[in-house]
Amino acid sequence: LFVCMGNICRSPSAEGVFRHMINEAGLSDVI
């Protein structure tokens, strides 16, 4: 879970970046 103050800038950015990375790594079924 990524957390910032309002959940409209930093934490959704981190979620999107990390989701992209785990999808590319083939780990979306375990993370």
PDB file of all heavy atoms in Angstrom:
ATOM      1  N   LEU A   1       0.849  -1.188   0.000  1.00  0.00           N
ATOM      2  CA  LEU A   1       0.000   0.000   0.000  1.00  0.00           C
ATOM      3  C   LEU A   1       0.887   1.240   0.000  1.00  0.00           C
ATOM      4  O   LEU A   1       1.783   1.366   0.832  1.00  0.00           O
ATOM      5  CB  LEU A   1      -0.897   0.011   1.244  1.00  0.00           C
ATOM      6  CG  LEU A   1      -1.864   1.183   1.384  1.00  0.00           C
ATOM      7  CD1 LEU A   1      -2.932   1.146   0.281  1.00  0.00           C
ATOM      8  CD2 LEU A   1      -2.530   1.165   2.753  1.00  0.00           C
ATOM      9  N   PHE A   2       0.641   2.144  -0.946  1.00  0.00           N
ATOM     10  CA  PHE A   2       1.371   3.409  -1.049  1.00  0.00           C
ATOM     11  C   PHE A   2       0.491   4.511  -0.455  1.00  0.00           C
ATOM     12  O   PHE A   2      -0.698   4.588  -0.782  1.00  0.00           O
ATOM     13  CB  PHE A   2       1.692   3.729  -2.506  1.00  0.00           C
ATOM     14  CG  PHE A   2       2.603   2.713  -3.139  1.00  0.00           C
ATOM     15  CD1 PHE A   2       2.094   1.696  -3.923  1.00  0.00           C
ATOM     16  CD2 PHE A   2       3.974   2.780  -2.945  1.00  0.00           C
ATOM     17  CE1 PHE A   2       2.937   0.763  -4.514  1.00  0.00           C
ATOM     18  CE2 PHE A   2       4.821   1.851  -3.524  1.00  0.00           C
ATOM     19  CZ  PHE A   2       4.300   0.838  -4.313  1.00  0.00           C
ATOM     20  N   VAL A   3       1.090   5.364   0.395  1.00  0.00           N
ATOM     21  CA  VAL A   3       0.291   6.354   1.117  1.00  0.00           C
ATOM     22  C   VAL A   3       0.918   7.744   1.042  1.00  0.00           C
ATOM     23  O   VAL A   3       2.112   7.917   1.296  1.00  0.00           O
ATOM     24  CB  VAL A   3       0.131   5.943   2.603  1.00  0.00           C
ATOM     25  CG1 VAL A   3      -0.736   6.947   3.348  1.00  0.00           C
ATOM     26  CG2 VAL A   3      -0.458   4.540   2.719  1.00  0.00           C
ATOM     27  N   CYS A   4       0.089   8.727   0.690  1.00  0.00           N
ATOM     28  CA  CYS A   4       0.472  10.144   0.770  1.00  0.00           C
ATOM     29  C   CYS A   4      -0.637  10.868   1.529  1.00  0.00           C
ATOM     30  O   CYS A   4      -1.454  10.228   2.190  1.00  0.00           O
ATOM     31  CB  CYS A   4       0.722  10.740  -0.615  1.00  0.00           C
ATOM     32  SG  CYS A   4      -0.723  10.907  -1.678  1.00  0.00           S
ATOM     33  N   MET A   5      -0.709  12.162   1.432  1.00  0.00           N
ATOM     34  CA  MET A   5      -1.685  12.902   2.213  1.00  0.00           C
ATOM     35  C   MET A   5      -3.105  12.784   1.663  1.00  0.00           C
ATOM     36  O   MET A   5      -4.028  12.422   2.372  1.00  0.00           O
ATOM     37  CB  MET A   5      -1.293  14.374   2.314  1.00  0.00           C
ATOM     38  CG  MET A   5      -2.196  15.155   3.248  1.00  0.00           C
ATOM     39  SD  MET A   5      -1.609  16.811   3.576  1.00  0.00           S
ATOM     40  CE  MET A   5      -0.205  16.443   4.610  1.00  0.00           C
ATOM     41  N   GLY A   6      -3.297  13.095   0.389  1.00  0.00           N
ATOM     42  CA  GLY A   6      -4.646  13.140  -0.163  1.00  0.00           C
ATOM     43  C   GLY A   6      -4.994  12.046  -1.147  1.00  0.00           C
ATOM     44  O   GLY A   6      -6.132  11.947  -1.588  1.00  0.00           O
ATOM     45  N   ASN A   7      -4.018  11.241  -1.545  1.00  0.00           N
ATOM     46  CA  ASN A   7      -4.217  10.142  -2.480  1.00  0.00           C
ATOM     47  C   ASN A   7      -4.638  10.619  -3.870  1.00  0.00           C
ATOM     48  O   ASN A   7      -5.417   9.971  -4.556  1.00  0.00           O
ATOM     49  CB  ASN A   7      -5.213   9.123  -1.916  1.00  0.00           C
ATOM     50  CG  ASN A   7      -5.261   7.799  -2.676  1.00  0.00           C
ATOM     51  OD1 ASN A   7      -6.326   7.206  -2.806  1.00  0.00           O
ATOM     52  ND2 ASN A   7      -4.143   7.322  -3.161  1.00  0.00           N
ATOM     53  N   ILE A   8      -4.071  11.777  -4.306  1.00  0.00           N
ATOM     54  CA  ILE A   8      -4.359  12.230  -5.672  1.00  0.00           C
ATOM     55  C   ILE A   8      -3.090  12.546  -6.466  1.00  0.00           C
ATOM     56  O   ILE A   8      -3.177  12.817  -7.664  1.00  0.00           O
ATOM     57  CB  ILE A   8      -5.304  13.451  -5.709  1.00  0.00           C
ATOM     58  CG1 ILE A   8      -4.690  14.656  -4.994  1.00  0.00           C
ATOM     59  CG2 ILE A   8      -6.684  13.097  -5.178  1.00  0.00           C
ATOM     60  CD1 ILE A   8      -5.403  15.960  -5.268  1.00  0.00           C
ATOM     61  N   CYS A   9      -1.917  12.524  -5.835  1.00  0.00           N
ATOM     62  CA  CYS A   9      -0.672  12.839  -6.557  1.00  0.00           C
ATOM     63  C   CYS A   9       0.352  11.709  -6.392  1.00  0.00           C
ATOM     64  O   CYS A   9       0.521  10.890  -7.276  1.00  0.00           O
ATOM     65  CB  CYS A   9      -0.059  14.157  -6.078  1.00  0.00           C
ATOM     66  SG  CYS A   9      -1.036  15.625  -6.436  1.00  0.00           S
ATOM     67  N   ARG A  10       1.024  11.698  -5.259  1.00  0.00           N
ATOM     68  CA  ARG A  10       2.158  10.794  -5.072  1.00  0.00           C
ATOM     69  C   ARG A  10       1.761   9.327  -4.947  1.00  0.00           C
ATOM     70  O   ARG A  10       2.344   8.470  -5.627  1.00  0.00           O
ATOM     71  CB  ARG A  10       2.972  11.224  -3.856  1.00  0.00           C
ATOM     72  CG  ARG A  10       3.615  12.589  -4.037  1.00  0.00           C
ATOM     73  CD  ARG A  10       4.253  13.092  -2.773  1.00  0.00           C
ATOM     74  NE  ARG A  10       3.237  13.424  -1.783  1.00  0.00           N
ATOM     75  CZ  ARG A  10       3.484  13.740  -0.522  1.00  0.00           C
ATOM     76  NH1 ARG A  10       4.729  13.758  -0.086  1.00  0.00           N
ATOM     77  NH2 ARG A  10       2.512  14.056   0.302  1.00  0.00           N
ATOM     78  N   SER A  11       0.805   9.019  -4.097  1.00  0.00           N
ATOM     79  CA  SER A  11       0.487   7.595  -3.902  1.00  0.00           C
ATOM     80  C   SER A  11      -0.161   6.943  -5.124  1.00  0.00           C
ATOM     81  O   SER A  11       0.188   5.809  -5.460  1.00  0.00           O
ATOM     82  CB  SER A  11      -0.327   7.366  -2.629  1.00  0.00           C
ATOM     83  OG  SER A  11      -1.524   8.093  -2.616  1.00  0.00           O
ATOM     84  N   PRO A  12      -1.060   7.615  -5.862  1.00  0.00           N
ATOM     85  CA  PRO A  12      -1.539   6.974  -7.086  1.00  0.00           C
ATOM     86  C   PRO A  12      -0.436   6.842  -8.140  1.00  0.00           C
ATOM     87  O   PRO A  12      -0.429   5.895  -8.927  1.00  0.00           O
ATOM     88  CB  PRO A  12      -2.690   7.848  -7.569  1.00  0.00           C
ATOM     89  CG  PRO A  12      -2.638   9.092  -6.780  1.00  0.00           C
ATOM     90  CD  PRO A  12      -1.806   8.840  -5.567  1.00  0.00           C
ATOM     91  N   SER A  13       0.516   7.791  -8.132  1.00  0.00           N
ATOM     92  CA  SER A  13       1.663   7.667  -9.046  1.00  0.00           C
ATOM     93  C   SER A  13       2.464   6.427  -8.702  1.00  0.00           C
ATOM     94  O   SER A  13       2.836   5.649  -9.588  1.00  0.00           O
ATOM     95  CB  SER A  13       2.559   8.910  -8.961  1.00  0.00           C
ATOM     96  OG  SER A  13       1.898  10.043  -9.455  1.00  0.00           O
ATOM     97  N   ALA A  14       2.745   6.240  -7.418  1.00  0.00           N
ATOM     98  CA  ALA A  14       3.507   5.063  -6.987  1.00  0.00           C
ATOM     99  C   ALA A  14       2.753   3.782  -7.311  1.00  0.00           C
ATOM    100  O   ALA A  14       3.338   2.802  -7.782  1.00  0.00           O
ATOM    101  CB  ALA A  14       3.806   5.150  -5.493  1.00  0.00           C
ATOM    102  N   GLU A  15       1.452   3.793  -7.093  1.00  0.00           N
ATOM    103  CA  GLU A  15       0.636   2.616  -7.425  1.00  0.00           C
ATOM    104  C   GLU A  15       0.726   2.303  -8.916  1.00  0.00           C
ATOM    105  O   GLU A  15       0.916   1.151  -9.314  1.00  0.00           O
ATOM    106  CB  GLU A  15      -0.818   2.858  -7.016  1.00  0.00           C
ATOM    107  CG  GLU A  15      -1.732   1.701  -7.352  1.00  0.00           C
ATOM    108  CD  GLU A  15      -3.194   1.971  -7.048  1.00  0.00           C
ATOM    109  OE1 GLU A  15      -3.528   3.033  -6.475  1.00  0.00           O
ATOM    110  OE2 GLU A  15      -4.023   1.101  -7.406  1.00  0.00           O
ATOM    111  N   GLY A  16       0.594   3.323  -9.756  1.00  0.00           N
ATOM    112  CA  GLY A  16       0.649   3.109 -11.205  1.00  0.00           C
ATOM    113  C   GLY A  16       2.009   2.636 -11.683  1.00  0.00           C
ATOM    114  O   GLY A  16       2.111   1.725 -12.508  1.00  0.00           O
ATOM    115  N   VAL A  17       3.072   3.235 -11.164  1.00  0.00           N
ATOM    116  CA  VAL A  17       4.436   2.827 -11.528  1.00  0.00           C
ATOM    117  C   VAL A  17       4.688   1.394 -11.087  1.00  0.00           C
ATOM    118  O   VAL A  17       5.178   0.566 -11.862  1.00  0.00           O
ATOM    119  CB  VAL A  17       5.481   3.787 -10.906  1.00  0.00           C
ATOM    120  CG1 VAL A  17       6.894   3.208 -11.012  1.00  0.00           C
ATOM    121  CG2 VAL A  17       5.414   5.156 -11.571  1.00  0.00           C
ATOM    122  N   PHE A  18       4.331   1.089  -9.853  1.00  0.00           N
ATOM    123  CA  PHE A  18       4.602  -0.251  -9.325  1.00  0.00           C
ATOM    124  C   PHE A  18       3.744  -1.304 -10.027  1.00  0.00           C
ATOM    125  O   PHE A  18       4.224  -2.400 -10.321  1.00  0.00           O
ATOM    126  CB  PHE A  18       4.389  -0.280  -7.814  1.00  0.00           C
ATOM    127  CG  PHE A  18       5.008  -1.482  -7.147  1.00  0.00           C
ATOM    128  CD1 PHE A  18       6.374  -1.709  -7.225  1.00  0.00           C
ATOM    129  CD2 PHE A  18       4.239  -2.376  -6.433  1.00  0.00           C
ATOM    130  CE1 PHE A  18       6.958  -2.812  -6.617  1.00  0.00           C
ATOM    131  CE2 PHE A  18       4.802  -3.476  -5.818  1.00  0.00           C
ATOM    132  CZ  PHE A  18       6.161  -3.697  -5.912  1.00  0.00           C
ATOM    133  N   ARG A  19       2.501  -0.973 -10.331  1.00  0.00           N
ATOM    134  CA  ARG A  19       1.630  -1.912 -11.057  1.00  0.00           C
ATOM    135  C   ARG A  19       2.255  -2.239 -12.422  1.00  0.00           C
ATOM    136  O   ARG A  19       2.295  -3.398 -12.840  1.00  0.00           O
ATOM    137  CB  ARG A  19       0.235  -1.325 -11.229  1.00  0.00           C
ATOM    138  CG  ARG A  19      -0.757  -2.300 -11.850  1.00  0.00           C
ATOM    139  CD  ARG A  19      -2.171  -1.741 -11.889  1.00  0.00           C
ATOM    140  NE  ARG A  19      -2.637  -1.215 -10.624  1.00  0.00           N
ATOM    141  CZ  ARG A  19      -3.051  -1.937  -9.584  1.00  0.00           C
ATOM    142  NH1 ARG A  19      -3.054  -3.248  -9.670  1.00  0.00           N
ATOM    143  NH2 ARG A  19      -3.460  -1.354  -8.477  1.00  0.00           N
ATOM    144  N   HIS A  20       2.754  -1.215 -13.101  1.00  0.00           N
ATOM    145  CA  HIS A  20       3.418  -1.410 -14.386  1.00  0.00           C
ATOM    146  C   HIS A  20       4.627  -2.343 -14.233  1.00  0.00           C
ATOM    147  O   HIS A  20       4.825  -3.269 -15.029  1.00  0.00           O
ATOM    148  CB  HIS A  20       3.842  -0.051 -14.947  1.00  0.00           C
ATOM    149  CG  HIS A  20       4.520  -0.110 -16.262  1.00  0.00           C
ATOM    150  ND1 HIS A  20       3.831  -0.154 -17.454  1.00  0.00           N
ATOM    151  CD2 HIS A  20       5.837  -0.144 -16.588  1.00  0.00           C
ATOM    152  CE1 HIS A  20       4.691  -0.213 -18.453  1.00  0.00           C
ATOM    153  NE2 HIS A  20       5.917  -0.201 -17.960  1.00  0.00           N
ATOM    154  N   MET A  21       5.421  -2.100 -13.199  1.00  0.00           N
ATOM    155  CA  MET A  21       6.622  -2.913 -12.962  1.00  0.00           C
ATOM    156  C   MET A  21       6.281  -4.367 -12.656  1.00  0.00           C
ATOM    157  O   MET A  21       6.930  -5.279 -13.179  1.00  0.00           O
ATOM    158  CB  MET A  21       7.443  -2.329 -11.815  1.00  0.00           C
ATOM    159  CG  MET A  21       8.144  -1.049 -12.154  1.00  0.00           C
ATOM    160  SD  MET A  21       9.047  -0.423 -10.702  1.00  0.00           S
ATOM    161  CE  MET A  21       9.872   0.994 -11.423  1.00  0.00           C
ATOM    162  N   ILE A  22       5.279  -4.599 -11.827  1.00  0.00           N
ATOM    163  CA  ILE A  22       4.965  -5.996 -11.493  1.00  0.00           C
ATOM    164  C   ILE A  22       4.306  -6.714 -12.664  1.00  0.00           C
ATOM    165  O   ILE A  22       4.515  -7.911 -12.847  1.00  0.00           O
ATOM    166  CB  ILE A  22       4.138  -6.139 -10.199  1.00  0.00           C
ATOM    167  CG1 ILE A  22       2.770  -5.534 -10.335  1.00  0.00           C
ATOM    168  CG2 ILE A  22       4.877  -5.615  -9.000  1.00  0.00           C
ATOM    169  CD1 ILE A  22       1.786  -6.076  -9.327  1.00  0.00           C
ATOM    170  N   ASN A  23       3.546  -5.985 -13.466  1.00  0.00           N
ATOM    171  CA  ASN A  23       2.977  -6.595 -14.670  1.00  0.00           C
ATOM    172  C   ASN A  23       4.090  -7.011 -15.630  1.00  0.00           C
ATOM    173  O   ASN A  23       4.061  -8.117 -16.180  1.00  0.00           O
ATOM    174  CB  ASN A  23       2.003  -5.648 -15.358  1.00  0.00           C
ATOM    175  CG  ASN A  23       0.691  -5.522 -14.625  1.00  0.00           C
ATOM    176  OD1 ASN A  23       0.324  -6.366 -13.803  1.00  0.00           O
ATOM    177  ND2 ASN A  23      -0.030  -4.449 -14.887  1.00  0.00           N
ATOM    178  N   GLU A  24       5.070  -6.118 -15.831  1.00  0.00           N
ATOM    179  CA  GLU A  24       6.200  -6.435 -16.710  1.00  0.00           C
ATOM    180  C   GLU A  24       7.030  -7.595 -16.165  1.00  0.00           C
ATOM    181  O   GLU A  24       7.603  -8.360 -16.934  1.00  0.00           O
ATOM    182  CB  GLU A  24       7.067  -5.201 -16.912  1.00  0.00           C
ATOM    183  CG  GLU A  24       6.351  -4.125 -17.700  1.00  0.00           C
ATOM    184  CD  GLU A  24       7.230  -3.453 -18.705  1.00  0.00           C
ATOM    185  OE1 GLU A  24       8.446  -3.346 -18.488  1.00  0.00           O
ATOM    186  OE2 GLU A  24       6.684  -3.045 -19.750  1.00  0.00           O
ATOM    187  N   ALA A  25       7.093  -7.716 -14.844  1.00  0.00           N
ATOM    188  CA  ALA A  25       7.866  -8.793 -14.213  1.00  0.00           C
ATOM    189  C   ALA A  25       7.070 -10.097 -14.126  1.00  0.00           C
ATOM    190  O   ALA A  25       7.610 -11.115 -13.685  1.00  0.00           O
ATOM    191  CB  ALA A  25       8.308  -8.360 -12.814  1.00  0.00           C
ATOM    192  N   GLY A  26       5.794 -10.066 -14.523  1.00  0.00           N
ATOM    193  CA  GLY A  26       4.964 -11.264 -14.461  1.00  0.00           C
ATOM    194  C   GLY A  26       4.583 -11.659 -13.042  1.00  0.00           C
ATOM    195  O   GLY A  26       4.364 -12.839 -12.762  1.00  0.00           O
ATOM    196  N   LEU A  27       4.469 -10.674 -12.163  1.00  0.00           N
ATOM    197  CA  LEU A  27       4.190 -10.961 -10.751  1.00  0.00           C
ATOM    198  C   LEU A  27       2.813 -10.474 -10.291  1.00  0.00           C
ATOM    199  O   LEU A  27       2.534 -10.476  -9.090  1.00  0.00           O
ATOM    200  CB  LEU A  27       5.271 -10.322  -9.871  1.00  0.00           C
ATOM    201  CG  LEU A  27       6.685 -10.854 -10.058  1.00  0.00           C
ATOM    202  CD1 LEU A  27       7.689  -9.981  -9.311  1.00  0.00           C
ATOM    203  CD2 LEU A  27       6.766 -12.302  -9.597  1.00  0.00           C
ATOM    204  N   SER A  28       1.959 -10.071 -11.210  1.00  0.00           N
ATOM    205  CA  SER A  28       0.673  -9.499 -10.812  1.00  0.00           C
ATOM    206  C   SER A  28      -0.233 -10.496 -10.089  1.00  0.00           C
ATOM    207  O   SER A  28      -1.142 -10.081  -9.370  1.00  0.00           O
ATOM    208  CB  SER A  28      -0.054  -8.904 -12.014  1.00  0.00           C
ATOM    209  OG  SER A  28      -0.233  -9.873 -13.015  1.00  0.00           O
ATOM    210  N   ASP A  29       0.036 -11.783 -10.244  1.00  0.00           N
ATOM    211  CA  ASP A  29      -0.789 -12.776  -9.542  1.00  0.00           C
ATOM    212  C   ASP A  29      -0.318 -13.036  -8.111  1.00  0.00           C
ATOM    213  O   ASP A  29      -1.026 -13.674  -7.335  1.00  0.00           O
ATOM    214  CB  ASP A  29      -0.828 -14.087 -10.331  1.00  0.00           C
ATOM    215  CG  ASP A  29       0.548 -14.673 -10.594  1.00  0.00           C
ATOM    216  OD1 ASP A  29       1.535 -13.902 -10.631  1.00  0.00           O
ATOM    217  OD2 ASP A  29       0.644 -15.902 -10.763  1.00  0.00           O
ATOM    218  N   VAL A  30       0.859 -12.508  -7.729  1.00  0.00           N
ATOM    219  CA  VAL A  30       1.376 -12.742  -6.377  1.00  0.00           C
ATOM    220  C   VAL A  30       1.649 -11.459  -5.600  1.00  0.00           C
ATOM    221  O   VAL A  30       2.043 -11.509  -4.436  1.00  0.00           O
ATOM    222  CB  VAL A  30       2.659 -13.619  -6.388  1.00  0.00           C
ATOM    223  CG1 VAL A  30       2.337 -15.034  -6.859  1.00  0.00           C
ATOM    224  CG2 VAL A  30       3.751 -12.995  -7.225  1.00  0.00           C
ATOM    225  N   ILE A  31       1.440 -10.294  -6.228  1.00  0.00           N
ATOM    226  CA  ILE A  31       1.650  -9.015  -5.547  1.00  0.00           C
ATOM    227  C   ILE A  31       0.408  -8.152  -5.739  1.00  0.00           C
ATOM    228  O   ILE A  31       0.012  -7.864  -6.863  1.00  0.00           O
ATOM    229  CB  ILE A  31       2.890  -8.277  -6.084  1.00  0.00           C
ATOM    230  CG1 ILE A  31       4.142  -9.135  -5.889  1.00  0.00           C
ATOM    231  CG2 ILE A  31       3.054  -6.928  -5.378  1.00  0.00           C
ATOM    232  CD1 ILE A  31       5.384  -8.577  -6.546  1.00  0.00           C
TER     233      ILE A  31
END
